[in-house]
Amino acid sequence: MTSTHDEIDTKVKTNDVVLFMKGTPQFPQCGFSSQVVQILDYLGAPYASVNVLETAEMRQGIKDYSNWPTVPQLYVKGEFLGGCDIVREMFQAGELQSHFEAAGVPVKQGAGA
């Protein structure tokens, strides 16, 4: 039986981009998660997602894992990037696209801010 921390660690380390969110990309359950999904979809970056609402352990576990109090949380190449505000600010400044490209994550051409 793997712990929630191990499960999170595996997701973070085996996916180039993973979004821990409330709901799913098709049916986000909060506005902040929805905004990050819209940004990732606009960039065309492939990403995995984890619905933290499925279990209380996952909902608390991701906060403990990152030492960050809110969801959504975006990880790129095993690194915690941030939540909705940080992702949105990076996107608007053109930094998110650059960060993805530098990490070797493909984004759509012309998806600049």
PDB file of N, CA and C in Angstrom:
ATOM      1  N   MET A   1       0.850  -1.193   0.000  1.00  0.00           N
ATOM      2  CA  MET A   1       0.000   0.000   0.000  1.00  0.00           C
ATOM      3  C   MET A   1       0.888   1.246   0.000  1.00  0.00           C
ATOM      4  N   THR A   2       0.745   2.048  -1.025  1.00  0.00           N
ATOM      5  CA  THR A   2       1.564   3.255  -1.094  1.00  0.00           C
ATOM      6  C   THR A   2       0.885   4.379  -0.337  1.00  0.00           C
ATOM      7  N   SER A   3       1.690   5.245   0.227  1.00  0.00           N
ATOM      8  CA  SER A   3       1.154   6.387   0.952  1.00  0.00           C
ATOM      9  C   SER A   3       0.719   7.456  -0.048  1.00  0.00           C
ATOM     10  N   THR A   4      -0.094   8.376   0.424  1.00  0.00           N
ATOM     11  CA  THR A   4      -0.519   9.484  -0.425  1.00  0.00           C
ATOM     12  C   THR A   4       0.695  10.287  -0.874  1.00  0.00           C
ATOM     13  N   HIS A   5       1.659  10.486   0.029  1.00  0.00           N
ATOM     14  CA  HIS A   5       2.876  11.235  -0.325  1.00  0.00           C
ATOM     15  C   HIS A   5       3.614  10.531  -1.462  1.00  0.00           C
ATOM     16  N   ASP A   6       3.728   9.202  -1.379  1.00  0.00           N
ATOM     17  CA  ASP A   6       4.413   8.444  -2.431  1.00  0.00           C
ATOM     18  C   ASP A   6       3.649   8.542  -3.753  1.00  0.00           C
ATOM     19  N   GLU A   7       2.330   8.483  -3.666  1.00  0.00           N
ATOM     20  CA  GLU A   7       1.488   8.584  -4.862  1.00  0.00           C
ATOM     21  C   GLU A   7       1.689   9.952  -5.536  1.00  0.00           C
ATOM     22  N   ILE A   8       1.695  11.011  -4.735  1.00  0.00           N
ATOM     23  CA  ILE A   8       1.917  12.361  -5.262  1.00  0.00           C
ATOM     24  C   ILE A   8       3.314  12.452  -5.866  1.00  0.00           C
ATOM     25  N   ASP A   9       4.305  11.950  -5.134  1.00  0.00           N
ATOM     26  CA  ASP A   9       5.699  12.002  -5.580  1.00  0.00           C
ATOM     27  C   ASP A   9       5.859  11.305  -6.931  1.00  0.00           C
ATOM     28  N   THR A  10       5.213  10.167  -7.091  1.00  0.00           N
ATOM     29  CA  THR A  10       5.283   9.422  -8.347  1.00  0.00           C
ATOM     30  C   THR A  10       4.665  10.230  -9.483  1.00  0.00           C
ATOM     31  N   LYS A  11       3.485  10.818  -9.232  1.00  0.00           N
ATOM     32  CA  LYS A  11       2.819  11.636 -10.262  1.00  0.00           C
ATOM     33  C   LYS A  11       3.705  12.800 -10.683  1.00  0.00           C
ATOM     34  N   VAL A  12       4.297  13.481  -9.704  1.00  0.00           N
ATOM     35  CA  VAL A  12       5.126  14.659  -9.972  1.00  0.00           C
ATOM     36  C   VAL A  12       6.365  14.269 -10.774  1.00  0.00           C
ATOM     37  N   LYS A  13       6.944  13.119 -10.446  1.00  0.00           N
ATOM     38  CA  LYS A  13       8.215  12.734 -11.060  1.00  0.00           C
ATOM     39  C   LYS A  13       8.072  11.970 -12.372  1.00  0.00           C
ATOM     40  N   THR A  14       6.886  11.436 -12.649  1.00  0.00           N
ATOM     41  CA  THR A  14       6.719  10.648 -13.876  1.00  0.00           C
ATOM     42  C   THR A  14       5.974  11.396 -14.977  1.00  0.00           C
ATOM     43  N   ASN A  15       5.498  12.600 -14.684  1.00  0.00           N
ATOM     44  CA  ASN A  15       4.825  13.426 -15.689  1.00  0.00           C
ATOM     45  C   ASN A  15       5.603  14.728 -15.852  1.00  0.00           C
ATOM     46  N   ASP A  16       5.834  15.138 -17.107  1.00  0.00           N
ATOM     47  CA  ASP A  16       6.533  16.399 -17.338  1.00  0.00           C
ATOM     48  C   ASP A  16       5.762  17.565 -16.729  1.00  0.00           C
ATOM     49  N   VAL A  17       4.445  17.532 -16.899  1.00  0.00           N
ATOM     50  CA  VAL A  17       3.583  18.582 -16.348  1.00  0.00           C
ATOM     51  C   VAL A  17       2.401  17.901 -15.675  1.00  0.00           C
ATOM     52  N   VAL A  18       2.160  18.246 -14.410  1.00  0.00           N
ATOM     53  CA  VAL A  18       1.000  17.676 -13.713  1.00  0.00           C
ATOM     54  C   VAL A  18       0.318  18.782 -12.918  1.00  0.00           C
ATOM     55  N   LEU A  19      -1.005  18.789 -13.022  1.00  0.00           N
ATOM     56  CA  LEU A  19      -1.827  19.778 -12.342  1.00  0.00           C
ATOM     57  C   LEU A  19      -2.674  19.069 -11.293  1.00  0.00           C
ATOM     58  N   PHE A  20      -2.458  19.435 -10.041  1.00  0.00           N
ATOM     59  CA  PHE A  20      -3.328  18.964  -8.968  1.00  0.00           C
ATOM     60  C   PHE A  20      -4.427  20.004  -8.846  1.00  0.00           C
ATOM     61  N   MET A  21      -5.670  19.575  -9.058  1.00  0.00           N
ATOM     62  CA  MET A  21      -6.773  20.522  -9.186  1.00  0.00           C
ATOM     63  C   MET A  21      -8.040  19.988  -8.544  1.00  0.00           C
ATOM     64  N   LYS A  22      -9.006  20.877  -8.388  1.00  0.00           N
ATOM     65  CA  LYS A  22     -10.334  20.478  -7.922  1.00  0.00           C
ATOM     66  C   LYS A  22     -11.167  20.172  -9.151  1.00  0.00           C
ATOM     67  N   GLY A  23     -11.526  18.900  -9.297  1.00  0.00           N
ATOM     68  CA  GLY A  23     -12.274  18.466 -10.470  1.00  0.00           C
ATOM     69  C   GLY A  23     -11.331  17.912 -11.526  1.00  0.00           C
ATOM     70  N   THR A  24     -11.798  17.929 -12.765  1.00  0.00           N
ATOM     71  CA  THR A  24     -11.027  17.416 -13.889  1.00  0.00           C
ATOM     72  C   THR A  24     -10.902  18.526 -14.935  1.00  0.00           C
ATOM     73  N   PRO A  25      -9.975  18.386 -15.893  1.00  0.00           N
ATOM     74  CA  PRO A  25      -9.880  19.419 -16.934  1.00  0.00           C
ATOM     75  C   PRO A  25     -11.198  19.617 -17.682  1.00  0.00           C
ATOM     76  N   GLN A  26     -11.973  18.543 -17.843  1.00  0.00           N
ATOM     77  CA  GLN A  26     -13.255  18.648 -18.537  1.00  0.00           C
ATOM     78  C   GLN A  26     -14.325  19.302 -17.662  1.00  0.00           C
ATOM     79  N   PHE A  27     -14.236  19.072 -16.342  1.00  0.00           N
ATOM     80  CA  PHE A  27     -15.225  19.605 -15.398  1.00  0.00           C
ATOM     81  C   PHE A  27     -14.527  20.159 -14.156  1.00  0.00           C
ATOM     82  N   PRO A  28     -13.850  21.311 -14.292  1.00  0.00           N
ATOM     83  CA  PRO A  28     -13.201  21.904 -13.116  1.00  0.00           C
ATOM     84  C   PRO A  28     -14.251  22.250 -12.059  1.00  0.00           C
ATOM     85  N   GLN A  29     -13.890  22.052 -10.791  1.00  0.00           N
ATOM     86  CA  GLN A  29     -14.834  22.291  -9.701  1.00  0.00           C
ATOM     87  C   GLN A  29     -14.565  23.604  -8.968  1.00  0.00           C
ATOM     88  N   CYS A  30     -13.630  24.407  -9.475  1.00  0.00           N
ATOM     89  CA  CYS A  30     -13.440  25.744  -8.914  1.00  0.00           C
ATOM     90  C   CYS A  30     -12.866  26.648  -9.988  1.00  0.00           C
ATOM     91  N   GLY A  31     -13.085  27.928  -9.817  1.00  0.00           N
ATOM     92  CA  GLY A  31     -12.656  28.906 -10.819  1.00  0.00           C
ATOM     93  C   GLY A  31     -11.152  28.956 -11.002  1.00  0.00           C
ATOM     94  N   PHE A  32     -10.408  28.766  -9.911  1.00  0.00           N
ATOM     95  CA  PHE A  32      -8.950  28.832 -10.005  1.00  0.00           C
ATOM     96  C   PHE A  32      -8.412  27.659 -10.818  1.00  0.00           C
ATOM     97  N   SER A  33      -8.951  26.468 -10.539  1.00  0.00           N
ATOM     98  CA  SER A  33      -8.544  25.294 -11.321  1.00  0.00           C
ATOM     99  C   SER A  33      -8.907  25.497 -12.785  1.00  0.00           C
ATOM    100  N   SER A  34     -10.077  26.046 -13.042  1.00  0.00           N
ATOM    101  CA  SER A  34     -10.530  26.293 -14.407  1.00  0.00           C
ATOM    102  C   SER A  34      -9.588  27.243 -15.140  1.00  0.00           C
ATOM    103  N   GLN A  35      -9.117  28.287 -14.459  1.00  0.00           N
ATOM    104  CA  GLN A  35      -8.208  29.246 -15.098  1.00  0.00           C
ATOM    105  C   GLN A  35      -6.908  28.578 -15.515  1.00  0.00           C
ATOM    106  N   VAL A  36      -6.352  27.736 -14.642  1.00  0.00           N
ATOM    107  CA  VAL A  36      -5.083  27.078 -14.964  1.00  0.00           C
ATOM    108  C   VAL A  36      -5.285  26.104 -16.123  1.00  0.00           C
ATOM    109  N   VAL A  37      -6.394  25.377 -16.136  1.00  0.00           N
ATOM    110  CA  VAL A  37      -6.711  24.475 -17.250  1.00  0.00           C
ATOM    111  C   VAL A  37      -6.789  25.271 -18.553  1.00  0.00           C
ATOM    112  N   GLN A  38      -7.463  26.420 -18.536  1.00  0.00           N
ATOM    113  CA  GLN A  38      -7.589  27.242 -19.741  1.00  0.00           C
ATOM    114  C   GLN A  38      -6.216  27.689 -20.244  1.00  0.00           C
ATOM    115  N   ILE A  39      -5.334  28.072 -19.336  1.00  0.00           N
ATOM    116  CA  ILE A  39      -3.989  28.499 -19.729  1.00  0.00           C
ATOM    117  C   ILE A  39      -3.225  27.333 -20.345  1.00  0.00           C
ATOM    118  N   LEU A  40      -3.257  26.171 -19.689  1.00  0.00           N
ATOM    119  CA  LEU A  40      -2.537  25.000 -20.214  1.00  0.00           C
ATOM    120  C   LEU A  40      -3.101  24.574 -21.563  1.00  0.00           C
ATOM    121  N   ASP A  41      -4.428  24.605 -21.695  1.00  0.00           N
ATOM    122  CA  ASP A  41      -5.043  24.233 -22.967  1.00  0.00           C
ATOM    123  C   ASP A  41      -4.678  25.234 -24.056  1.00  0.00           C
ATOM    124  N   TYR A  42      -4.626  26.508 -23.710  1.00  0.00           N
ATOM    125  CA  TYR A  42      -4.250  27.539 -24.678  1.00  0.00           C
ATOM    126  C   TYR A  42      -2.819  27.321 -25.163  1.00  0.00           C
ATOM    127  N   LEU A  43      -1.946  26.975 -24.232  1.00  0.00           N
ATOM    128  CA  LEU A  43      -0.550  26.722 -24.595  1.00  0.00           C
ATOM    129  C   LEU A  43      -0.390  25.429 -25.378  1.00  0.00           C
ATOM    130  N   GLY A  44      -1.378  24.537 -25.249  1.00  0.00           N
ATOM    131  CA  GLY A  44      -1.290  23.255 -25.931  1.00  0.00           C
ATOM    132  C   GLY A  44      -0.280  22.319 -25.298  1.00  0.00           C
ATOM    133  N   ALA A  45       0.094  22.596 -24.061  1.00  0.00           N
ATOM    134  CA  ALA A  45       1.076  21.756 -23.370  1.00  0.00           C
ATOM    135  C   ALA A  45       0.402  20.480 -22.875  1.00  0.00           C
ATOM    136  N   PRO A  46       1.013  19.324 -23.146  1.00  0.00           N
ATOM    137  CA  PRO A  46       0.451  18.082 -22.610  1.00  0.00           C
ATOM    138  C   PRO A  46       0.637  18.059 -21.099  1.00  0.00           C
ATOM    139  N   TYR A  47      -0.407  17.638 -20.383  1.00  0.00           N
ATOM    140  CA  TYR A  47      -0.288  17.581 -18.922  1.00  0.00           C
ATOM    141  C   TYR A  47      -1.187  16.494 -18.359  1.00  0.00           C
ATOM    142  N   ALA A  48      -0.784  15.998 -17.202  1.00  0.00           N
ATOM    143  CA  ALA A  48      -1.605  15.064 -16.439  1.00  0.00           C
ATOM    144  C   ALA A  48      -2.341  15.877 -15.381  1.00  0.00           C
ATOM    145  N   SER A  49      -3.434  15.344 -14.891  1.00  0.00           N
ATOM    146  CA  SER A  49      -4.149  16.045 -13.825  1.00  0.00           C
ATOM    147  C   SER A  49      -4.554  15.051 -12.746  1.00  0.00           C
ATOM    148  N   VAL A  50      -4.682  15.577 -11.540  1.00  0.00           N
ATOM    149  CA  VAL A  50      -5.127  14.783 -10.400  1.00  0.00           C
ATOM    150  C   VAL A  50      -6.247  15.558  -9.731  1.00  0.00           C
ATOM    151  N   ASN A  51      -7.401  14.895  -9.558  1.00  0.00           N
ATOM    152  CA  ASN A  51      -8.544  15.510  -8.897  1.00  0.00           C
ATOM    153  C   ASN A  51      -8.381  15.333  -7.388  1.00  0.00           C
ATOM    154  N   VAL A  52      -8.045  16.418  -6.691  1.00  0.00           N
ATOM    155  CA  VAL A  52      -7.805  16.318  -5.250  1.00  0.00           C
ATOM    156  C   VAL A  52      -9.100  16.121  -4.459  1.00  0.00           C
ATOM    157  N   LEU A  53     -10.234  16.283  -5.115  1.00  0.00           N
ATOM    158  CA  LEU A  53     -11.505  16.112  -4.407  1.00  0.00           C
ATOM    159  C   LEU A  53     -11.889  14.643  -4.248  1.00  0.00           C
ATOM    160  N   GLU A  54     -11.151  13.747  -4.918  1.00  0.00           N
ATOM    161  CA  GLU A  54     -11.512  12.329  -4.846  1.00  0.00           C
ATOM    162  C   GLU A  54     -11.323  11.757  -3.447  1.00  0.00           C
ATOM    163  N   THR A  55     -10.285  12.213  -2.732  1.00  0.00           N
ATOM    164  CA  THR A  55     -10.076  11.737  -1.359  1.00  0.00           C
ATOM    165  C   THR A  55      -9.590  12.874  -0.477  1.00  0.00           C
ATOM    166  N   ALA A  56      -9.958  12.818   0.792  1.00  0.00           N
ATOM    167  CA  ALA A  56      -9.477  13.813   1.756  1.00  0.00           C
ATOM    168  C   ALA A  56      -7.965  13.708   1.899  1.00  0.00           C
ATOM    169  N   GLU A  57      -7.436  12.493   1.786  1.00  0.00           N
ATOM    170  CA  GLU A  57      -5.990  12.297   1.911  1.00  0.00           C
ATOM    171  C   GLU A  57      -5.244  13.036   0.800  1.00  0.00           C
ATOM    172  N   MET A  58      -5.766  12.961  -0.422  1.00  0.00           N
ATOM    173  CA  MET A  58      -5.115  13.637  -1.537  1.00  0.00           C
ATOM    174  C   MET A  58      -5.247  15.154  -1.388  1.00  0.00           C
ATOM    175  N   ARG A  59      -6.414  15.606  -0.954  1.00  0.00           N
ATOM    176  CA  ARG A  59      -6.651  17.045  -0.802  1.00  0.00           C
ATOM    177  C   ARG A  59      -5.675  17.638   0.218  1.00  0.00           C
ATOM    178  N   GLN A  60      -5.462  16.951   1.327  1.00  0.00           N
ATOM    179  CA  GLN A  60      -4.513  17.443   2.333  1.00  0.00           C
ATOM    180  C   GLN A  60      -3.082  17.091   1.954  1.00  0.00           C
ATOM    181  N   GLY A  61      -2.917  15.931   1.340  1.00  0.00           N
ATOM    182  CA  GLY A  61      -1.579  15.441   1.022  1.00  0.00           C
ATOM    183  C   GLY A  61      -0.814  16.352   0.084  1.00  0.00           C
ATOM    184  N   ILE A  62      -1.496  16.916  -0.924  1.00  0.00           N
ATOM    185  CA  ILE A  62      -0.797  17.782  -1.874  1.00  0.00           C
ATOM    186  C   ILE A  62      -0.369  19.077  -1.190  1.00  0.00           C
ATOM    187  N   LYS A  63      -1.150  19.544  -0.234  1.00  0.00           N
ATOM    188  CA  LYS A  63      -0.771  20.759   0.509  1.00  0.00           C
ATOM    189  C   LYS A  63       0.452  20.492   1.374  1.00  0.00           C
ATOM    190  N   ASP A  64       0.491  19.312   1.990  1.00  0.00           N
ATOM    191  CA  ASP A  64       1.637  18.934   2.813  1.00  0.00           C
ATOM    192  C   ASP A  64       2.870  18.718   1.939  1.00  0.00           C
ATOM    193  N   TYR A  65       2.669  18.094   0.783  1.00  0.00           N
ATOM    194  CA  TYR A  65       3.779  17.766  -0.124  1.00  0.00           C
ATOM    195  C   TYR A  65       4.521  19.030  -0.562  1.00  0.00           C
ATOM    196  N   SER A  66       3.771  20.051  -0.923  1.00  0.00           N
ATOM    197  CA  SER A  66       4.374  21.275  -1.462  1.00  0.00           C
ATOM    198  C   SER A  66       4.581  22.345  -0.400  1.00  0.00           C
ATOM    199  N   ASN A  67       3.976  22.130   0.771  1.00  0.00           N
ATOM    200  CA  ASN A  67       3.957  23.171   1.800  1.00  0.00           C
ATOM    201  C   ASN A  67       3.310  24.439   1.242  1.00  0.00           C
ATOM    202  N   TRP A  68       2.268  24.241   0.437  1.00  0.00           N
ATOM    203  CA  TRP A  68       1.519  25.333  -0.200  1.00  0.00           C
ATOM    204  C   TRP A  68       0.051  25.128   0.170  1.00  0.00           C
ATOM    205  N   PRO A  69      -0.646  26.156   0.665  1.00  0.00           N
ATOM    206  CA  PRO A  69      -1.954  25.939   1.286  1.00  0.00           C
ATOM    207  C   PRO A  69      -3.140  25.787   0.339  1.00  0.00           C
ATOM    208  N   THR A  70      -2.947  26.040  -0.947  1.00  0.00           N
ATOM    209  CA  THR A  70      -4.115  26.060  -1.836  1.00  0.00           C
ATOM    210  C   THR A  70      -3.942  25.142  -3.042  1.00  0.00           C
ATOM    211  N   VAL A  71      -5.054  24.861  -3.670  1.00  0.00           N
ATOM    212  CA  VAL A  71      -5.126  24.088  -4.906  1.00  0.00           C
ATOM    213  C   VAL A  71      -5.817  25.007  -5.896  1.00  0.00           C
ATOM    214  N   PRO A  72      -5.438  25.052  -7.159  1.00  0.00           N
ATOM    215  CA  PRO A  72      -4.573  24.113  -7.881  1.00  0.00           C
ATOM    216  C   PRO A  72      -3.085  24.337  -7.623  1.00  0.00           C
ATOM    217  N   GLN A  73      -2.329  23.292  -7.967  1.00  0.00           N
ATOM    218  CA  GLN A  73      -0.875  23.350  -7.908  1.00  0.00           C
ATOM    219  C   GLN A  73      -0.324  22.757  -9.195  1.00  0.00           C
ATOM    220  N   LEU A  74       0.604  23.479  -9.815  1.00  0.00           N
ATOM    221  CA  LEU A  74       1.180  23.045 -11.079  1.00  0.00           C
ATOM    222  C   LEU A  74       2.647  22.670 -10.880  1.00  0.00           C
ATOM    223  N   TYR A  75       3.001  21.493 -11.382  1.00  0.00           N
ATOM    224  CA  TYR A  75       4.376  21.001 -11.326  1.00  0.00           C
ATOM    225  C   TYR A  75       4.899  20.819 -12.748  1.00  0.00           C
ATOM    226  N   VAL A  76       6.131  21.240 -12.969  1.00  0.00           N
ATOM    227  CA  VAL A  76       6.786  21.078 -14.268  1.00  0.00           C
ATOM    228  C   VAL A  76       8.128  20.402 -14.028  1.00  0.00           C
ATOM    229  N   LYS A  77       8.306  19.228 -14.644  1.00  0.00           N
ATOM    230  CA  LYS A  77       9.559  18.471 -14.522  1.00  0.00           C
ATOM    231  C   LYS A  77       9.938  18.268 -13.052  1.00  0.00           C
ATOM    232  N   GLY A  78       8.950  17.930 -12.230  1.00  0.00           N
ATOM    233  CA  GLY A  78       9.202  17.625 -10.831  1.00  0.00           C
ATOM    234  C   GLY A  78       9.315  18.830  -9.924  1.00  0.00           C
ATOM    235  N   GLU A  79       9.188  20.031 -10.486  1.00  0.00           N
ATOM    236  CA  GLU A  79       9.341  21.259  -9.700  1.00  0.00           C
ATOM    237  C   GLU A  79       7.983  21.922  -9.502  1.00  0.00           C
ATOM    238  N   PHE A  80       7.697  22.313  -8.258  1.00  0.00           N
ATOM    239  CA  PHE A  80       6.463  23.038  -7.965  1.00  0.00           C
ATOM    240  C   PHE A  80       6.576  24.437  -8.546  1.00  0.00           C
ATOM    241  N   LEU A  81       5.681  24.756  -9.465  1.00  0.00           N
ATOM    242  CA  LEU A  81       5.711  26.062 -10.117  1.00  0.00           C
ATOM    243  C   LEU A  81       4.874  27.070  -9.342  1.00  0.00           C
ATOM    244  N   GLY A  82       3.680  26.672  -8.929  1.00  0.00           N
ATOM    245  CA  GLY A  82       2.833  27.581  -8.169  1.00  0.00           C
ATOM    246  C   GLY A  82       1.363  27.269  -8.343  1.00  0.00           C
ATOM    247  N   GLY A  83       0.553  28.162  -7.804  1.00  0.00           N
ATOM    248  CA  GLY A  83      -0.888  28.053  -7.904  1.00  0.00           C
ATOM    249  C   GLY A  83      -1.426  28.954  -9.000  1.00  0.00           C
ATOM    250  N   CYS A  84      -2.704  29.213  -8.947  1.00  0.00           N
ATOM    251  CA  CYS A  84      -3.376  29.958 -10.016  1.00  0.00           C
ATOM    252  C   CYS A  84      -2.771  31.340 -10.236  1.00  0.00           C
ATOM    253  N   ASP A  85      -2.575  32.113  -9.181  1.00  0.00           N
ATOM    254  CA  ASP A  85      -2.070  33.485  -9.342  1.00  0.00           C
ATOM    255  C   ASP A  85      -0.696  33.501  -9.992  1.00  0.00           C
ATOM    256  N   ILE A  86       0.190  32.636  -9.512  1.00  0.00           N
ATOM    257  CA  ILE A  86       1.551  32.584 -10.048  1.00  0.00           C
ATOM    258  C   ILE A  86       1.530  32.138 -11.506  1.00  0.00           C
ATOM    259  N   VAL A  87       0.764  31.093 -11.811  1.00  0.00           N
ATOM    260  CA  VAL A  87       0.681  30.588 -13.183  1.00  0.00           C
ATOM    261  C   VAL A  87       0.114  31.666 -14.102  1.00  0.00           C
ATOM    262  N   ARG A  88      -0.933  32.343 -13.652  1.00  0.00           N
ATOM    263  CA  ARG A  88      -1.547  33.399 -14.477  1.00  0.00           C
ATOM    264  C   ARG A  88      -0.564  34.548 -14.713  1.00  0.00           C
ATOM    265  N   GLU A  89       0.141  34.972 -13.662  1.00  0.00           N
ATOM    266  CA  GLU A  89       1.113  36.063 -13.820  1.00  0.00           C
ATOM    267  C   GLU A  89       2.242  35.658 -14.761  1.00  0.00           C
ATOM    268  N   MET A  90       2.740  34.436 -14.614  1.00  0.00           N
ATOM    269  CA  MET A  90       3.805  33.955 -15.498  1.00  0.00           C
ATOM    270  C   MET A  90       3.322  33.902 -16.941  1.00  0.00           C
ATOM    271  N   PHE A  91       2.087  33.424 -17.130  1.00  0.00           N
ATOM    272  CA  PHE A  91       1.510  33.326 -18.474  1.00  0.00           C
ATOM    273  C   PHE A  91       1.397  34.716 -19.101  1.00  0.00           C
ATOM    274  N   GLN A  92       0.852  35.674 -18.350  1.00  0.00           N
ATOM    275  CA  GLN A  92       0.638  37.016 -18.892  1.00  0.00           C
ATOM    276  C   GLN A  92       1.962  37.698 -19.232  1.00  0.00           C
ATOM    277  N   ALA A  93       3.022  37.356 -18.493  1.00  0.00           N
ATOM    278  CA  ALA A  93       4.334  37.955 -18.741  1.00  0.00           C
ATOM    279  C   ALA A  93       5.126  37.202 -19.813  1.00  0.00           C
ATOM    280  N   GLY A  94       4.564  36.087 -20.297  1.00  0.00           N
ATOM    281  CA  GLY A  94       5.267  35.282 -21.287  1.00  0.00           C
ATOM    282  C   GLY A  94       6.294  34.342 -20.672  1.00  0.00           C
ATOM    283  N   GLU A  95       6.372  34.320 -19.338  1.00  0.00           N
ATOM    284  CA  GLU A  95       7.370  33.499 -18.649  1.00  0.00           C
ATOM    285  C   GLU A  95       6.985  32.027 -18.610  1.00  0.00           C
ATOM    286  N   LEU A  96       5.698  31.737 -18.569  1.00  0.00           N
ATOM    287  CA  LEU A  96       5.259  30.342 -18.483  1.00  0.00           C
ATOM    288  C   LEU A  96       5.650  29.590 -19.757  1.00  0.00           C
ATOM    289  N   GLN A  97       5.403  30.211 -20.915  1.00  0.00           N
ATOM    290  CA  GLN A  97       5.770  29.597 -22.182  1.00  0.00           C
ATOM    291  C   GLN A  97       7.279  29.337 -22.220  1.00  0.00           C
ATOM    292  N   SER A  98       8.075  30.331 -21.806  1.00  0.00           N
ATOM    293  CA  SER A  98       9.534  30.195 -21.793  1.00  0.00           C
ATOM    294  C   SER A  98       9.967  29.087 -20.847  1.00  0.00           C
ATOM    295  N   HIS A  99       9.319  29.024 -19.690  1.00  0.00           N
ATOM    296  CA  HIS A  99       9.656  28.002 -18.699  1.00  0.00           C
ATOM    297  C   HIS A  99       9.388  26.607 -19.269  1.00  0.00           C
ATOM    298  N   PHE A 100       8.235  26.442 -19.914  1.00  0.00           N
ATOM    299  CA  PHE A 100       7.895  25.155 -20.515  1.00  0.00           C
ATOM    300  C   PHE A 100       8.916  24.785 -21.587  1.00  0.00           C
ATOM    301  N   GLU A 101       9.212  25.733 -22.471  1.00  0.00           N
ATOM    302  CA  GLU A 101      10.146  25.458 -23.562  1.00  0.00           C
ATOM    303  C   GLU A 101      11.530  25.112 -23.024  1.00  0.00           C
ATOM    304  N   ALA A 102      11.989  25.842 -21.999  1.00  0.00           N
ATOM    305  CA  ALA A 102      13.299  25.574 -21.399  1.00  0.00           C
ATOM    306  C   ALA A 102      13.320  24.186 -20.748  1.00  0.00           C
ATOM    307  N   ALA A 103      12.161  23.741 -20.255  1.00  0.00           N
ATOM    308  CA  ALA A 103      12.062  22.429 -19.622  1.00  0.00           C
ATOM    309  C   ALA A 103      11.846  21.314 -20.645  1.00  0.00           C
ATOM    310  N   GLY A 104      11.748  21.690 -21.931  1.00  0.00           N
ATOM    311  CA  GLY A 104      11.529  20.696 -22.972  1.00  0.00           C
ATOM    312  C   GLY A 104      10.094  20.255 -23.131  1.00  0.00           C
ATOM    313  N   VAL A 105       9.154  21.083 -22.620  1.00  0.00           N
ATOM    314  CA  VAL A 105       7.731  20.770 -22.740  1.00  0.00           C
ATOM    315  C   VAL A 105       7.205  21.517 -23.967  1.00  0.00           C
ATOM    316  N   PRO A 106       6.641  20.793 -24.944  1.00  0.00           N
ATOM    317  CA  PRO A 106       6.175  21.464 -26.158  1.00  0.00           C
ATOM    318  C   PRO A 106       4.947  22.350 -25.903  1.00  0.00           C
ATOM    319  N   VAL A 107       4.959  23.514 -26.525  1.00  0.00           N
ATOM    320  CA  VAL A 107       3.792  24.400 -26.513  1.00  0.00           C
ATOM    321  C   VAL A 107       3.490  24.773 -27.965  1.00  0.00           C
ATOM    322  N   LYS A 108       2.235  25.177 -28.194  1.00  0.00           N
ATOM    323  CA  LYS A 108       1.837  25.578 -29.545  1.00  0.00           C
ATOM    324  C   LYS A 108       2.620  26.805 -29.971  1.00  0.00           C
ATOM    325  N   GLN A 109       3.003  26.846 -31.211  1.00  0.00           N
ATOM    326  CA  GLN A 109       3.658  28.060 -31.722  1.00  0.00           C
ATOM    327  C   GLN A 109       2.619  29.166 -31.755  1.00  0.00           C
ATOM    328  N   GLY A 110       3.075  30.372 -31.456  1.00  0.00           N
ATOM    329  CA  GLY A 110       2.161  31.501 -31.469  1.00  0.00           C
ATOM    330  C   GLY A 110       1.300  31.582 -30.222  1.00  0.00           C
ATOM    331  N   ALA A 111       1.652  30.789 -29.179  1.00  0.00           N
ATOM    332  CA  ALA A 111       0.858  30.805 -27.954  1.00  0.00           C
ATOM    333  C   ALA A 111       1.440  31.793 -26.957  1.00  0.00           C
ATOM    334  N   GLY A 112       2.144  32.782 -27.439  1.00  0.00           N
ATOM    335  CA  GLY A 112       2.714  33.796 -26.547  1.00  0.00           C
ATOM    336  C   GLY A 112       1.644  34.686 -25.975  1.00  0.00           C
ATOM    337  N   ALA A 113       2.013  35.409 -24.941  1.00  0.00           N
ATOM    338  CA  ALA A 113       1.043  36.284 -24.264  1.00  0.00           C
ATOM    339  C   ALA A 113       0.717  37.497 -25.129  1.00  0.00           C
TER     340      ALA A 113
END
